[in-house]
Amino acid sequence: MIKIKKVVCFICSYLLLSFSFNSYAQEKEKMVVIDTDMGKIKVKLYNDTPLHRDNFLKLVNEGQYNGLLFHRVIKQFMIQGGDITSKDAPPEVKLGDGDLEYTIPAEFVYPKYFHKRGQLCAARTGDDLNPEKASSASQFYIVTGKHFTEMELDKMEKEKNIQLTAEQREAYMIQGGSPHLDGAYTVFGEVVNGMKVVDKIQFVQTDINDRPLKNIKIKSMKIVDK
């Protein structure tokens, strides 16, 4: 009888500790406010992608993003920033190659995280130069995407020999996204407030290199509690 009680107490204690730990981990998900010329975007960073989370927080704390531009904007696809050479870049300069001198190993948490509208993801160089799909140290993008029909998703599954989850199908049909990027680029966070700002940015006029004709500056990034 005593042993049973001890086992029961141990199990109860373990469950309570596990619950407390999981609750604590959930509470500790970091938030960052991206203050731009067109408004503020708040993003949540996933604890499931700790390398990308910690790197992003480090750069935010160092002020690395302050003054950089959203240098690549494509309607119904994404908005991209983080090119370290974009600060004060003249209008005629083609941007997109500026980066820090290291990469982040890929952290694919798929299909839990996928390229639905509002996801924060890491940019990277192409597969020919980067077969391991390592992420850029500084460049990121936020998915806007487009809506897909059930028929289009069926066709994609057949062509790529993949099986989308029910959650993915619903998200891509109702919210929209960019499913062709799934499993190829690390998704490490999501927009929790400010998608109207993201949409304002995605619809600006751009040049032939997808750079906005009028600079869209990241004035600052700040880590916030909630």
C-alpha atoms as a PDB file:
ATOM      1  CA  MET A   1       0.000   0.000   0.000  1.00  0.00           C
ATOM      2  CA  ILE A   2       2.817   2.413   0.881  1.00  0.00           C
ATOM      3  CA  LYS A   3       4.607   1.658  -2.377  1.00  0.00           C
ATOM      4  CA  ILE A   4       1.477   2.331  -4.373  1.00  0.00           C
ATOM      5  CA  LYS A   5       1.009   5.648  -2.630  1.00  0.00           C
ATOM      6  CA  LYS A   6       4.605   6.584  -3.362  1.00  0.00           C
ATOM      7  CA  VAL A   7       4.180   5.688  -7.015  1.00  0.00           C
ATOM      8  CA  VAL A   8       0.941   7.655  -7.217  1.00  0.00           C
ATOM      9  CA  CYS A   9       2.549  10.658  -5.524  1.00  0.00           C
ATOM     10  CA  PHE A  10       5.538  10.425  -7.852  1.00  0.00           C
ATOM     11  CA  ILE A  11       3.301  10.289 -10.915  1.00  0.00           C
ATOM     12  CA  CYS A  12       1.236  13.227  -9.661  1.00  0.00           C
ATOM     13  CA  SER A  13       4.386  15.231  -8.934  1.00  0.00           C
ATOM     14  CA  TYR A  14       5.825  14.369 -12.346  1.00  0.00           C
ATOM     15  CA  LEU A  15       2.636  15.436 -14.089  1.00  0.00           C
ATOM     16  CA  LEU A  16       2.522  18.681 -12.137  1.00  0.00           C
ATOM     17  CA  LEU A  17       6.169  19.431 -12.904  1.00  0.00           C
ATOM     18  CA  SER A  18       5.656  18.577 -16.567  1.00  0.00           C
ATOM     19  CA  PHE A  19       2.597  20.799 -16.743  1.00  0.00           C
ATOM     20  CA  SER A  20       4.442  23.630 -14.996  1.00  0.00           C
ATOM     21  CA  PHE A  21       7.433  23.264 -17.305  1.00  0.00           C
ATOM     22  CA  ASN A  22       5.286  23.231 -20.434  1.00  0.00           C
ATOM     23  CA  SER A  23       3.283  26.216 -19.215  1.00  0.00           C
ATOM     24  CA  TYR A  24       6.476  28.076 -18.404  1.00  0.00           C
ATOM     25  CA  ALA A  25       7.970  27.261 -21.804  1.00  0.00           C
ATOM     26  CA  GLN A  26       4.814  28.505 -23.496  1.00  0.00           C
ATOM     27  CA  GLU A  27       4.849  31.742 -21.478  1.00  0.00           C
ATOM     28  CA  LYS A  28       8.488  32.321 -22.313  1.00  0.00           C
ATOM     29  CA  GLU A  29       7.948  32.502 -26.080  1.00  0.00           C
ATOM     30  CA  LYS A  30       9.616  35.760 -27.029  1.00  0.00           C
ATOM     31  CA  MET A  31       7.842  38.580 -28.835  1.00  0.00           C
ATOM     32  CA  VAL A  32       9.493  41.190 -31.034  1.00  0.00           C
ATOM     33  CA  VAL A  33       7.946  44.397 -32.353  1.00  0.00           C
ATOM     34  CA  ILE A  34       9.189  45.425 -35.800  1.00  0.00           C
ATOM     35  CA  ASP A  35       8.614  49.184 -36.098  1.00  0.00           C
ATOM     36  CA  THR A  36       8.533  50.201 -39.767  1.00  0.00           C
ATOM     37  CA  ASP A  37       7.798  53.342 -41.764  1.00  0.00           C
ATOM     38  CA  MET A  38       4.342  51.897 -42.429  1.00  0.00           C
ATOM     39  CA  GLY A  39       3.470  50.726 -38.917  1.00  0.00           C
ATOM     40  CA  LYS A  40       4.306  48.090 -36.335  1.00  0.00           C
ATOM     41  CA  ILE A  41       4.399  44.317 -36.759  1.00  0.00           C
ATOM     42  CA  LYS A  42       4.561  42.066 -33.700  1.00  0.00           C
ATOM     43  CA  VAL A  43       5.998  38.585 -34.131  1.00  0.00           C
ATOM     44  CA  LYS A  44       6.226  35.575 -31.847  1.00  0.00           C
ATOM     45  CA  LEU A  45       9.353  33.392 -32.015  1.00  0.00           C
ATOM     46  CA  TYR A  46       8.943  29.625 -31.698  1.00  0.00           C
ATOM     47  CA  ASN A  47      10.786  27.752 -28.967  1.00  0.00           C
ATOM     48  CA  ASP A  48      10.831  24.730 -31.314  1.00  0.00           C
ATOM     49  CA  THR A  49      13.441  26.531 -33.450  1.00  0.00           C
ATOM     50  CA  PRO A  50      15.915  27.663 -30.773  1.00  0.00           C
ATOM     51  CA  LEU A  51      18.871  28.364 -33.079  1.00  0.00           C
ATOM     52  CA  HIS A  52      16.849  30.770 -35.207  1.00  0.00           C
ATOM     53  CA  ARG A  53      15.074  32.246 -32.170  1.00  0.00           C
ATOM     54  CA  ASP A  54      18.284  32.971 -30.298  1.00  0.00           C
ATOM     55  CA  ASN A  55      20.059  34.356 -33.355  1.00  0.00           C
ATOM     56  CA  PHE A  56      17.151  36.681 -34.157  1.00  0.00           C
ATOM     57  CA  LEU A  57      17.006  37.912 -30.550  1.00  0.00           C
ATOM     58  CA  LYS A  58      20.767  38.503 -30.554  1.00  0.00           C
ATOM     59  CA  LEU A  59      20.556  40.638 -33.681  1.00  0.00           C
ATOM     60  CA  VAL A  60      17.581  42.544 -32.287  1.00  0.00           C
ATOM     61  CA  ASN A  61      19.474  43.255 -29.039  1.00  0.00           C
ATOM     62  CA  GLU A  62      22.498  44.432 -31.012  1.00  0.00           C
ATOM     63  CA  GLY A  63      20.363  46.804 -33.101  1.00  0.00           C
ATOM     64  CA  GLN A  64      21.475  45.067 -36.294  1.00  0.00           C
ATOM     65  CA  TYR A  65      18.105  45.549 -37.989  1.00  0.00           C
ATOM     66  CA  ASN A  66      17.683  49.215 -37.146  1.00  0.00           C
ATOM     67  CA  GLY A  67      17.637  51.255 -40.355  1.00  0.00           C
ATOM     68  CA  LEU A  68      17.566  48.285 -42.740  1.00  0.00           C
ATOM     69  CA  LEU A  69      14.974  48.049 -45.506  1.00  0.00           C
ATOM     70  CA  PHE A  70      12.345  45.641 -46.667  1.00  0.00           C
ATOM     71  CA  HIS A  71      14.330  45.227 -49.854  1.00  0.00           C
ATOM     72  CA  ARG A  72      12.275  42.542 -51.648  1.00  0.00           C
ATOM     73  CA  VAL A  73       8.502  42.653 -51.852  1.00  0.00           C
ATOM     74  CA  ILE A  74       6.340  40.399 -54.014  1.00  0.00           C
ATOM     75  CA  LYS A  75       2.552  40.649 -53.982  1.00  0.00           C
ATOM     76  CA  GLN A  76       0.748  37.499 -52.859  1.00  0.00           C
ATOM     77  CA  PHE A  77       4.049  35.922 -51.844  1.00  0.00           C
ATOM     78  CA  MET A  78       6.131  37.611 -49.135  1.00  0.00           C
ATOM     79  CA  ILE A  79       7.992  40.672 -47.840  1.00  0.00           C
ATOM     80  CA  GLN A  80      11.717  40.279 -47.140  1.00  0.00           C
ATOM     81  CA  GLY A  81      14.215  42.247 -45.066  1.00  0.00           C
ATOM     82  CA  GLY A  82      17.508  41.922 -43.248  1.00  0.00           C
ATOM     83  CA  ASP A  83      20.045  42.679 -45.999  1.00  0.00           C
ATOM     84  CA  ILE A  84      22.803  44.320 -43.943  1.00  0.00           C
ATOM     85  CA  THR A  85      23.876  46.455 -46.920  1.00  0.00           C
ATOM     86  CA  SER A  86      20.417  47.980 -47.354  1.00  0.00           C
ATOM     87  CA  LYS A  87      20.811  50.752 -44.794  1.00  0.00           C
ATOM     88  CA  ASP A  88      20.944  54.090 -46.654  1.00  0.00           C
ATOM     89  CA  ALA A  89      21.283  52.197 -49.968  1.00  0.00           C
ATOM     90  CA  PRO A  90      20.705  54.458 -53.008  1.00  0.00           C
ATOM     91  CA  PRO A  91      17.530  53.695 -55.015  1.00  0.00           C
ATOM     92  CA  GLU A  92      19.385  52.289 -58.024  1.00  0.00           C
ATOM     93  CA  VAL A  93      21.320  49.673 -56.021  1.00  0.00           C
ATOM     94  CA  LYS A  94      20.190  46.057 -56.340  1.00  0.00           C
ATOM     95  CA  LEU A  95      19.856  44.520 -52.887  1.00  0.00           C
ATOM     96  CA  GLY A  96      19.585  40.988 -51.561  1.00  0.00           C
ATOM     97  CA  ASP A  97      23.154  39.717 -51.220  1.00  0.00           C
ATOM     98  CA  GLY A  98      24.050  41.397 -47.941  1.00  0.00           C
ATOM     99  CA  ASP A  99      24.440  38.991 -45.031  1.00  0.00           C
ATOM    100  CA  LEU A 100      26.519  38.255 -41.959  1.00  0.00           C
ATOM    101  CA  GLU A 101      29.449  35.864 -42.203  1.00  0.00           C
ATOM    102  CA  TYR A 102      27.719  32.752 -40.907  1.00  0.00           C
ATOM    103  CA  THR A 103      24.619  30.655 -41.469  1.00  0.00           C
ATOM    104  CA  ILE A 104      22.078  28.938 -39.197  1.00  0.00           C
ATOM    105  CA  PRO A 105      21.488  25.174 -39.579  1.00  0.00           C
ATOM    106  CA  ALA A 106      18.015  24.395 -40.901  1.00  0.00           C
ATOM    107  CA  GLU A 107      15.365  23.740 -38.248  1.00  0.00           C
ATOM    108  CA  PHE A 108      12.394  22.257 -40.076  1.00  0.00           C
ATOM    109  CA  VAL A 109       9.500  21.533 -37.719  1.00  0.00           C
ATOM    110  CA  TYR A 110       7.211  20.272 -40.450  1.00  0.00           C
ATOM    111  CA  PRO A 111       4.279  19.847 -40.784  1.00  0.00           C
ATOM    112  CA  LYS A 112       3.671  21.616 -37.452  1.00  0.00           C
ATOM    113  CA  TYR A 113       4.967  24.859 -38.926  1.00  0.00           C
ATOM    114  CA  PHE A 114       4.357  25.580 -42.585  1.00  0.00           C
ATOM    115  CA  HIS A 115       4.138  28.529 -44.957  1.00  0.00           C
ATOM    116  CA  LYS A 116       0.677  29.819 -44.204  1.00  0.00           C
ATOM    117  CA  ARG A 117      -0.044  33.544 -44.224  1.00  0.00           C
ATOM    118  CA  GLY A 118       1.769  35.465 -41.485  1.00  0.00           C
ATOM    119  CA  GLN A 119       4.641  33.060 -40.878  1.00  0.00           C
ATOM    120  CA  LEU A 120       8.109  34.450 -40.100  1.00  0.00           C
ATOM    121  CA  CYS A 121      10.775  32.508 -42.010  1.00  0.00           C
ATOM    122  CA  ALA A 122      14.494  32.553 -42.735  1.00  0.00           C
ATOM    123  CA  ALA A 123      15.781  33.355 -46.203  1.00  0.00           C
ATOM    124  CA  ARG A 124      18.727  31.422 -47.636  1.00  0.00           C
ATOM    125  CA  THR A 125      20.840  30.835 -50.714  1.00  0.00           C
ATOM    126  CA  GLY A 126      19.738  28.293 -53.327  1.00  0.00           C
ATOM    127  CA  ASP A 127      20.113  24.523 -53.184  1.00  0.00           C
ATOM    128  CA  ASP A 128      22.961  24.462 -55.696  1.00  0.00           C
ATOM    129  CA  LEU A 129      25.207  26.395 -53.300  1.00  0.00           C
ATOM    130  CA  ASN A 130      23.456  25.325 -50.137  1.00  0.00           C
ATOM    131  CA  PRO A 131      22.261  21.696 -50.279  1.00  0.00           C
ATOM    132  CA  GLU A 132      21.836  21.570 -46.496  1.00  0.00           C
ATOM    133  CA  LYS A 133      19.343  24.473 -46.723  1.00  0.00           C
ATOM    134  CA  ALA A 134      21.116  26.455 -44.020  1.00  0.00           C
ATOM    135  CA  SER A 135      19.490  29.794 -43.267  1.00  0.00           C
ATOM    136  CA  SER A 136      20.790  33.313 -43.725  1.00  0.00           C
ATOM    137  CA  ALA A 137      22.051  34.816 -40.478  1.00  0.00           C
ATOM    138  CA  SER A 138      20.111  38.048 -40.926  1.00  0.00           C
ATOM    139  CA  GLN A 139      17.633  37.903 -43.806  1.00  0.00           C
ATOM    140  CA  PHE A 140      14.036  36.944 -43.060  1.00  0.00           C
ATOM    141  CA  TYR A 141      10.653  37.090 -44.741  1.00  0.00           C
ATOM    142  CA  ILE A 142       7.005  37.211 -43.738  1.00  0.00           C
ATOM    143  CA  VAL A 143       4.587  35.155 -45.820  1.00  0.00           C
ATOM    144  CA  THR A 144       1.579  36.838 -47.416  1.00  0.00           C
ATOM    145  CA  GLY A 145       0.837  34.239 -50.078  1.00  0.00           C
ATOM    146  CA  LYS A 146      -2.343  33.574 -51.992  1.00  0.00           C
ATOM    147  CA  HIS A 147      -5.455  31.447 -51.586  1.00  0.00           C
ATOM    148  CA  PHE A 148      -5.539  27.991 -53.138  1.00  0.00           C
ATOM    149  CA  THR A 149      -8.470  25.941 -54.300  1.00  0.00           C
ATOM    150  CA  GLU A 150      -8.941  22.320 -53.301  1.00  0.00           C
ATOM    151  CA  MET A 151      -8.199  21.319 -56.890  1.00  0.00           C
ATOM    152  CA  GLU A 152      -4.925  23.265 -56.898  1.00  0.00           C
ATOM    153  CA  LEU A 153      -3.821  21.593 -53.687  1.00  0.00           C
ATOM    154  CA  ASP A 154      -4.744  18.166 -55.065  1.00  0.00           C
ATOM    155  CA  LYS A 155      -2.615  18.886 -58.127  1.00  0.00           C
ATOM    156  CA  MET A 156       0.308  20.038 -55.981  1.00  0.00           C
ATOM    157  CA  GLU A 157       0.160  16.876 -53.896  1.00  0.00           C
ATOM    158  CA  LYS A 158       0.220  14.729 -57.016  1.00  0.00           C
ATOM    159  CA  GLU A 159       3.050  16.626 -58.726  1.00  0.00           C
ATOM    160  CA  LYS A 160       5.276  16.754 -55.645  1.00  0.00           C
ATOM    161  CA  ASN A 161       4.220  13.352 -54.302  1.00  0.00           C
ATOM    162  CA  ILE A 162       3.355  14.825 -50.913  1.00  0.00           C
ATOM    163  CA  GLN A 163       0.422  14.591 -48.530  1.00  0.00           C
ATOM    164  CA  LEU A 164      -0.818  17.844 -47.001  1.00  0.00           C
ATOM    165  CA  THR A 165      -2.419  17.660 -43.575  1.00  0.00           C
ATOM    166  CA  ALA A 166      -6.007  18.734 -43.022  1.00  0.00           C
ATOM    167  CA  GLU A 167      -4.670  21.787 -41.162  1.00  0.00           C
ATOM    168  CA  GLN A 168      -2.463  22.768 -44.088  1.00  0.00           C
ATOM    169  CA  ARG A 169      -5.247  22.391 -46.624  1.00  0.00           C
ATOM    170  CA  GLU A 170      -7.635  24.472 -44.553  1.00  0.00           C
ATOM    171  CA  ALA A 171      -5.033  27.190 -43.959  1.00  0.00           C
ATOM    172  CA  TYR A 172      -4.002  27.426 -47.614  1.00  0.00           C
ATOM    173  CA  MET A 173      -7.616  27.617 -48.766  1.00  0.00           C
ATOM    174  CA  ILE A 174      -8.927  30.029 -46.125  1.00  0.00           C
ATOM    175  CA  GLN A 175      -5.914  32.107 -44.989  1.00  0.00           C
ATOM    176  CA  GLY A 176      -3.591  31.636 -47.940  1.00  0.00           C
ATOM    177  CA  GLY A 177       0.136  31.039 -48.055  1.00  0.00           C
ATOM    178  CA  SER A 178       3.068  29.742 -50.092  1.00  0.00           C
ATOM    179  CA  PRO A 179       3.001  25.925 -49.853  1.00  0.00           C
ATOM    180  CA  HIS A 180       5.743  25.398 -52.445  1.00  0.00           C
ATOM    181  CA  LEU A 181       8.255  26.560 -49.789  1.00  0.00           C
ATOM    182  CA  ASP A 182       7.245  23.963 -47.205  1.00  0.00           C
ATOM    183  CA  GLY A 183      10.065  21.779 -45.964  1.00  0.00           C
ATOM    184  CA  ALA A 184      12.654  23.891 -47.757  1.00  0.00           C
ATOM    185  CA  TYR A 185      12.917  27.031 -45.608  1.00  0.00           C
ATOM    186  CA  THR A 186      12.875  27.297 -41.820  1.00  0.00           C
ATOM    187  CA  VAL A 187       9.698  28.721 -40.289  1.00  0.00           C
ATOM    188  CA  PHE A 188      10.653  30.167 -36.896  1.00  0.00           C
ATOM    189  CA  GLY A 189       7.820  32.460 -35.859  1.00  0.00           C
ATOM    190  CA  GLU A 190       4.554  34.124 -36.761  1.00  0.00           C
ATOM    191  CA  VAL A 191       2.894  37.522 -36.853  1.00  0.00           C
ATOM    192  CA  VAL A 192       0.555  37.978 -33.887  1.00  0.00           C
ATOM    193  CA  ASN A 193      -0.377  41.578 -34.621  1.00  0.00           C
ATOM    194  CA  GLY A 194       0.135  43.863 -37.595  1.00  0.00           C
ATOM    195  CA  MET A 195      -0.812  41.847 -40.675  1.00  0.00           C
ATOM    196  CA  LYS A 196      -2.531  44.982 -41.987  1.00  0.00           C
ATOM    197  CA  VAL A 197       0.907  46.592 -42.022  1.00  0.00           C
ATOM    198  CA  VAL A 198       2.374  43.565 -43.790  1.00  0.00           C
ATOM    199  CA  ASP A 199      -0.374  43.858 -46.404  1.00  0.00           C
ATOM    200  CA  LYS A 200       0.300  47.570 -46.892  1.00  0.00           C
ATOM    201  CA  ILE A 201       3.933  46.721 -47.549  1.00  0.00           C
ATOM    202  CA  GLN A 202       3.195  43.865 -49.946  1.00  0.00           C
ATOM    203  CA  PHE A 203       1.127  46.101 -52.228  1.00  0.00           C
ATOM    204  CA  VAL A 204       3.648  48.931 -52.691  1.00  0.00           C
ATOM    205  CA  GLN A 205       5.079  49.598 -56.137  1.00  0.00           C
ATOM    206  CA  THR A 206       8.380  47.872 -56.871  1.00  0.00           C
ATOM    207  CA  ASP A 207      11.078  47.887 -59.561  1.00  0.00           C
ATOM    208  CA  ILE A 208      12.123  44.981 -61.786  1.00  0.00           C
ATOM    209  CA  ASN A 209      14.207  43.555 -58.921  1.00  0.00           C
ATOM    210  CA  ASP A 210      11.202  43.615 -56.543  1.00  0.00           C
ATOM    211  CA  ARG A 211      12.681  46.460 -54.509  1.00  0.00           C
ATOM    212  CA  PRO A 212      10.075  49.021 -53.367  1.00  0.00           C
ATOM    213  CA  LEU A 213      10.336  52.285 -55.300  1.00  0.00           C
ATOM    214  CA  LYS A 214       9.968  54.133 -52.007  1.00  0.00           C
ATOM    215  CA  ASN A 215      12.158  52.805 -49.209  1.00  0.00           C
ATOM    216  CA  ILE A 216      10.363  50.935 -46.419  1.00  0.00           C
ATOM    217  CA  LYS A 217      12.622  51.173 -43.415  1.00  0.00           C
ATOM    218  CA  ILE A 218      12.784  49.071 -40.276  1.00  0.00           C
ATOM    219  CA  LYS A 219      13.114  51.910 -37.800  1.00  0.00           C
ATOM    220  CA  SER A 220      13.785  49.558 -34.908  1.00  0.00           C
ATOM    221  CA  MET A 221      13.108  46.139 -33.441  1.00  0.00           C
ATOM    222  CA  LYS A 222      12.372  45.649 -29.767  1.00  0.00           C
ATOM    223  CA  ILE A 223      11.832  42.574 -27.587  1.00  0.00           C
ATOM    224  CA  VAL A 224       8.599  42.924 -25.599  1.00  0.00           C
ATOM    225  CA  ASP A 225       6.959  40.925 -22.808  1.00  0.00           C
ATOM    226  CA  LYS A 226       3.541  40.542 -24.438  1.00  0.00           C
END
